[in-house]
C-alpha atoms as a PDB file:
ATOM      1  CA  MET A   1       0.000   0.000   0.000  1.00  0.00           C
ATOM      2  CA  SER A   2       1.416   3.399  -0.950  1.00  0.00           C
ATOM      3  CA  GLN A   3       1.995   6.025   1.713  1.00  0.00           C
ATOM      4  CA  GLN A   4      -1.081   8.178   2.195  1.00  0.00           C
ATOM      5  CA  ASN A   5      -0.860  11.941   1.670  1.00  0.00           C
ATOM      6  CA  TYR A   6      -3.024  14.885   0.628  1.00  0.00           C
ATOM      7  CA  LYS A   7      -3.098  13.931  -3.047  1.00  0.00           C
ATOM      8  CA  ASN A   8      -4.093  10.281  -2.582  1.00  0.00           C
ATOM      9  CA  HIS A   9      -6.198  10.236   0.590  1.00  0.00           C
ATOM     10  CA  ALA A  10      -9.592   9.851  -1.116  1.00  0.00           C
ATOM     11  CA  ARG A  11     -11.063   6.387  -0.706  1.00  0.00           C
ATOM     12  CA  TYR A  12     -13.317   4.459  -3.076  1.00  0.00           C
ATOM     13  CA  TYR A  13     -15.398   1.303  -2.758  1.00  0.00           C
ATOM     14  CA  ALA A  14     -15.030  -0.303  -6.210  1.00  0.00           C
ATOM     15  CA  PRO A  15     -18.380  -2.169  -6.474  1.00  0.00           C
ATOM     16  CA  HIS A  16     -20.270   0.993  -5.520  1.00  0.00           C
ATOM     17  CA  HIS A  17     -18.223   3.710  -7.241  1.00  0.00           C
ATOM     18  CA  PHE A  18     -17.091   1.885 -10.366  1.00  0.00           C
ATOM     19  CA  ILE A  19     -19.868  -0.651 -11.087  1.00  0.00           C
ATOM     20  CA  PHE A  20     -23.246   0.144  -9.478  1.00  0.00           C
ATOM     21  CA  LEU A  21     -23.227   3.943  -9.833  1.00  0.00           C
ATOM     22  CA  PRO A  22     -21.939   4.040 -13.434  1.00  0.00           C
ATOM     23  CA  LEU A  23     -24.342   1.256 -14.439  1.00  0.00           C
ATOM     24  CA  THR A  24     -27.295   3.104 -12.923  1.00  0.00           C
ATOM     25  CA  GLY A  25     -26.172   6.351 -14.567  1.00  0.00           C
ATOM     26  CA  PHE A  26     -25.847   4.537 -17.901  1.00  0.00           C
ATOM     27  CA  MET A  27     -29.377   3.138 -17.508  1.00  0.00           C
ATOM     28  CA  MET A  28     -30.727   6.634 -16.941  1.00  0.00           C
ATOM     29  CA  VAL A  29     -28.979   7.994 -20.057  1.00  0.00           C
ATOM     30  CA  TRP A  30     -29.971   4.923 -22.088  1.00  0.00           C
ATOM     31  CA  GLY A  31     -33.615   5.520 -21.153  1.00  0.00           C
ATOM     32  CA  LEU A  32     -33.416   9.169 -22.210  1.00  0.00           C
ATOM     33  CA  VAL A  33     -31.796   8.268 -25.543  1.00  0.00           C
ATOM     34  CA  ASN A  34     -34.471   5.641 -26.216  1.00  0.00           C
ATOM     35  CA  ALA A  35     -37.221   8.091 -25.241  1.00  0.00           C
ATOM     36  CA  TYR A  36     -35.866  10.466 -27.875  1.00  0.00           C
ATOM     37  CA  LYS A  37     -35.498   7.759 -30.551  1.00  0.00           C
ATOM     38  CA  ASN A  38     -38.668   5.769 -29.879  1.00  0.00           C
ATOM     39  CA  GLU A  39     -41.646   8.127 -29.980  1.00  0.00           C
ATOM     40  CA  ASP A  40     -44.325   5.451 -29.539  1.00  0.00           C
ATOM     41  CA  LYS A  41     -42.782   4.331 -26.188  1.00  0.00           C
ATOM     42  CA  ARG A  42     -41.506   7.709 -25.048  1.00  0.00           C
ATOM     43  CA  ILE A  43     -43.464   7.721 -21.768  1.00  0.00           C
ATOM     44  CA  GLU A  44     -42.191   4.252 -20.814  1.00  0.00           C
ATOM     45  CA  TRP A  45     -38.579   5.220 -21.493  1.00  0.00           C
ATOM     46  CA  LEU A  46     -38.941   8.492 -19.611  1.00  0.00           C
ATOM     47  CA  LEU A  47     -40.370   6.603 -16.628  1.00  0.00           C
ATOM     48  CA  PHE A  48     -37.491   4.124 -16.890  1.00  0.00           C
ATOM     49  CA  SER A  49     -35.035   7.041 -16.821  1.00  0.00           C
ATOM     50  CA  LEU A  50     -36.812   8.664 -13.902  1.00  0.00           C
ATOM     51  CA  LEU A  51     -36.746   5.401 -11.946  1.00  0.00           C
ATOM     52  CA  SER A  52     -33.035   4.957 -12.750  1.00  0.00           C
ATOM     53  CA  PHE A  53     -32.354   8.498 -11.562  1.00  0.00           C
ATOM     54  CA  CYS A  54     -34.252   7.887  -8.313  1.00  0.00           C
ATOM     55  CA  ILE A  55     -32.294   4.689  -7.646  1.00  0.00           C
ATOM     56  CA  LEU A  56     -29.019   6.483  -8.390  1.00  0.00           C
ATOM     57  CA  TYR A  57     -29.912   9.410  -6.144  1.00  0.00           C
ATOM     58  CA  LEU A  58     -31.039   7.200  -3.258  1.00  0.00           C
ATOM     59  CA  ALA A  59     -27.936   5.028  -3.519  1.00  0.00           C
ATOM     60  CA  LEU A  60     -25.694   8.087  -3.274  1.00  0.00           C
ATOM     61  CA  MET A  61     -27.574   9.808  -0.503  1.00  0.00           C
ATOM     62  CA  LEU A  62     -28.262   6.836   1.767  1.00  0.00           C
ATOM     63  CA  ARG A  63     -24.739   5.475   1.555  1.00  0.00           C
ATOM     64  CA  GLN A  64     -23.271   8.832   2.440  1.00  0.00           C
ATOM     65  CA  HIS A  65     -25.822   9.695   5.096  1.00  0.00           C
ATOM     66  CA  TYR A  66     -25.421   6.587   7.222  1.00  0.00           C
ATOM     67  CA  ALA A  67     -21.691   6.075   6.899  1.00  0.00           C
ATOM     68  CA  LEU A  68     -20.628   9.697   7.218  1.00  0.00           C
ATOM     69  CA  GLY A  69     -22.939  10.453  10.116  1.00  0.00           C
ATOM     70  CA  ASN A  70     -21.315   7.708  12.143  1.00  0.00           C
ATOM     71  CA  GLN A  71     -17.826   8.575  10.962  1.00  0.00           C
ATOM     72  CA  ASN A  72     -18.268  12.238  11.905  1.00  0.00           C
ATOM     73  CA  ARG A  73     -19.120  11.275  15.478  1.00  0.00           C
ATOM     74  CA  ILE A  74     -16.018   9.099  15.668  1.00  0.00           C
ATOM     75  CA  VAL A  75     -13.809  11.878  14.263  1.00  0.00           C
ATOM     76  CA  ARG A  76     -15.057  14.267  16.957  1.00  0.00           C
ATOM     77  CA  LEU A  77     -14.381  11.662  19.657  1.00  0.00           C
ATOM     78  CA  GLU A  78     -10.869  11.101  18.270  1.00  0.00           C
ATOM     79  CA  PHE A  79     -10.246  14.853  18.410  1.00  0.00           C
ATOM     80  CA  ARG A  80     -11.402  15.036  22.036  1.00  0.00           C
ATOM     81  CA  LEU A  81      -9.222  12.104  23.067  1.00  0.00           C
ATOM     82  CA  ARG A  82      -6.172  13.378  21.224  1.00  0.00           C
ATOM     83  CA  TYR A  83      -6.589  16.885  22.630  1.00  0.00           C
ATOM     84  CA  PHE A  84      -6.858  15.473  26.135  1.00  0.00           C
ATOM     85  CA  GLU A  85      -3.765  13.304  25.609  1.00  0.00           C
ATOM     86  CA  LEU A  86      -1.712  16.249  24.336  1.00  0.00           C
ATOM     87  CA  TYR A  87      -2.967  19.027  26.612  1.00  0.00           C
ATOM     88  CA  GLY A  88      -4.322  17.143  29.635  1.00  0.00           C
ATOM     89  CA  LYS A  89      -7.620  19.022  29.627  1.00  0.00           C
ATOM     90  CA  SER A  90     -11.035  18.984  28.013  1.00  0.00           C
ATOM     91  CA  SER A  91     -11.334  20.211  24.435  1.00  0.00           C
ATOM     92  CA  GLY A  92     -14.769  21.791  24.910  1.00  0.00           C
ATOM     93  CA  ASP A  93     -13.756  25.432  24.479  1.00  0.00           C
ATOM     94  CA  VAL A  94     -11.439  24.747  21.544  1.00  0.00           C
ATOM     95  CA  GLU A  95     -13.820  22.357  19.792  1.00  0.00           C
ATOM     96  CA  SER A  96     -16.629  24.908  19.849  1.00  0.00           C
ATOM     97  CA  LYS A  97     -14.424  27.333  17.869  1.00  0.00           C
ATOM     98  CA  LEU A  98     -13.606  24.827  15.107  1.00  0.00           C
ATOM     99  CA  SER A  99     -15.712  23.625  12.205  1.00  0.00           C
ATOM    100  CA  PHE A 100     -16.040  19.930  11.572  1.00  0.00           C
ATOM    101  CA  GLY A 101     -13.879  20.305   8.450  1.00  0.00           C
ATOM    102  CA  GLN A 102     -11.067  21.732  10.546  1.00  0.00           C
ATOM    103  CA  ILE A 103     -11.359  18.948  13.125  1.00  0.00           C
ATOM    104  CA  ALA A 104     -11.374  16.300  10.397  1.00  0.00           C
ATOM    105  CA  ALA A 105      -8.303  17.801   8.719  1.00  0.00           C
ATOM    106  CA  LEU A 106      -6.312  17.918  11.961  1.00  0.00           C
ATOM    107  CA  ARG A 107      -6.522  14.157  12.342  1.00  0.00           C
ATOM    108  CA  PHE A 108      -4.037  13.671   9.488  1.00  0.00           C
ATOM    109  CA  ALA A 109      -1.300  15.630  11.320  1.00  0.00           C
ATOM    110  CA  ASP A 110       1.190  14.068  13.717  1.00  0.00           C
ATOM    111  CA  ASP A 111       1.172  15.262  17.340  1.00  0.00           C
ATOM    112  CA  LYS A 112       3.726  18.049  16.874  1.00  0.00           C
ATOM    113  CA  GLU A 113       2.003  19.417  13.782  1.00  0.00           C
ATOM    114  CA  PHE A 114      -1.386  18.947  15.427  1.00  0.00           C
ATOM    115  CA  LYS A 115      -0.510  21.522  18.065  1.00  0.00           C
ATOM    116  CA  GLU A 116       0.905  23.987  15.542  1.00  0.00           C
ATOM    117  CA  LEU A 117      -1.938  23.600  13.065  1.00  0.00           C
ATOM    118  CA  LEU A 118      -4.557  23.783  15.797  1.00  0.00           C
ATOM    119  CA  GLN A 119      -3.162  27.170  16.860  1.00  0.00           C
ATOM    120  CA  GLN A 120      -3.059  28.361  13.241  1.00  0.00           C
ATOM    121  CA  ALA A 121      -6.621  27.181  12.662  1.00  0.00           C
ATOM    122  CA  LEU A 122      -7.825  29.050  15.732  1.00  0.00           C
ATOM    123  CA  GLN A 123      -5.874  32.226  14.987  1.00  0.00           C
ATOM    124  CA  HIS A 124      -6.358  32.427  11.209  1.00  0.00           C
ATOM    125  CA  ASN A 125      -9.547  30.381  10.764  1.00  0.00           C
ATOM    126  CA  LEU A 126      -7.882  28.060   8.236  1.00  0.00           C
ATOM    127  CA  THR A 127     -10.178  25.875   6.161  1.00  0.00           C
ATOM    128  CA  GLY A 128      -9.925  22.104   6.441  1.00  0.00           C
ATOM    129  CA  ASP A 129      -8.315  21.952   3.029  1.00  0.00           C
ATOM    130  CA  ALA A 130      -5.733  24.596   3.995  1.00  0.00           C
ATOM    131  CA  ILE A 131      -4.877  22.597   7.121  1.00  0.00           C
ATOM    132  CA  LYS A 132      -4.412  19.417   5.074  1.00  0.00           C
ATOM    133  CA  GLN A 133      -2.138  21.215   2.617  1.00  0.00           C
ATOM    134  CA  ARG A 134       0.137  22.407   5.452  1.00  0.00           C
ATOM    135  CA  ILE A 135       0.686  18.926   6.879  1.00  0.00           C
ATOM    136  CA  LYS A 136       4.265  17.754   6.377  1.00  0.00           C
ATOM    137  CA  SER A 137       4.120  14.415   8.211  1.00  0.00           C
ATOM    138  CA  TRP A 138       0.846  12.897   6.984  1.00  0.00           C
ATOM    139  CA  GLN A 139      -0.714  10.351   9.345  1.00  0.00           C
ATOM    140  CA  ALA A 140      -2.634   7.928   7.151  1.00  0.00           C
ATOM    141  CA  ASP A 141      -6.189   6.840   7.890  1.00  0.00           C
ATOM    142  CA  HIS A 142      -7.021   3.730   5.869  1.00  0.00           C
ATOM    143  CA  MET A 143     -10.118   2.894   7.924  1.00  0.00           C
ATOM    144  CA  ARG A 144     -12.389   5.752   6.776  1.00  0.00           C
ATOM    145  CA  VAL A 145     -15.577   5.238   4.873  1.00  0.00           C
END
């Protein structure tokens, strides 16, 4: 497995991203093309396309909603634990000043960079993406959804 960094940290689930979603998208387009070409069955093909779109939309939204909702809670708990381990106190005041994107980005930094980037995020209101770009010693997370 290659070393994780900012440029390669996105994660994909092959059956979902490269088979199911493209196939459903193709079905939707195929239905629209056939609706255009086949006037006597236009309504049927439009309904087929609409159904394909609904399946595609639901697959995207439900997968993201369930997995990311749970993951976001875990990321916040990781932040609280790490903050307590590094500073020996509750993260309540600091956490309330950070967006979730900032908290999520900080988890890729090692402990030394975590402290530095946390201060920069608080002082300059860095975005999550800006925090990730400043990380020099990327701490990989291969267990994300």
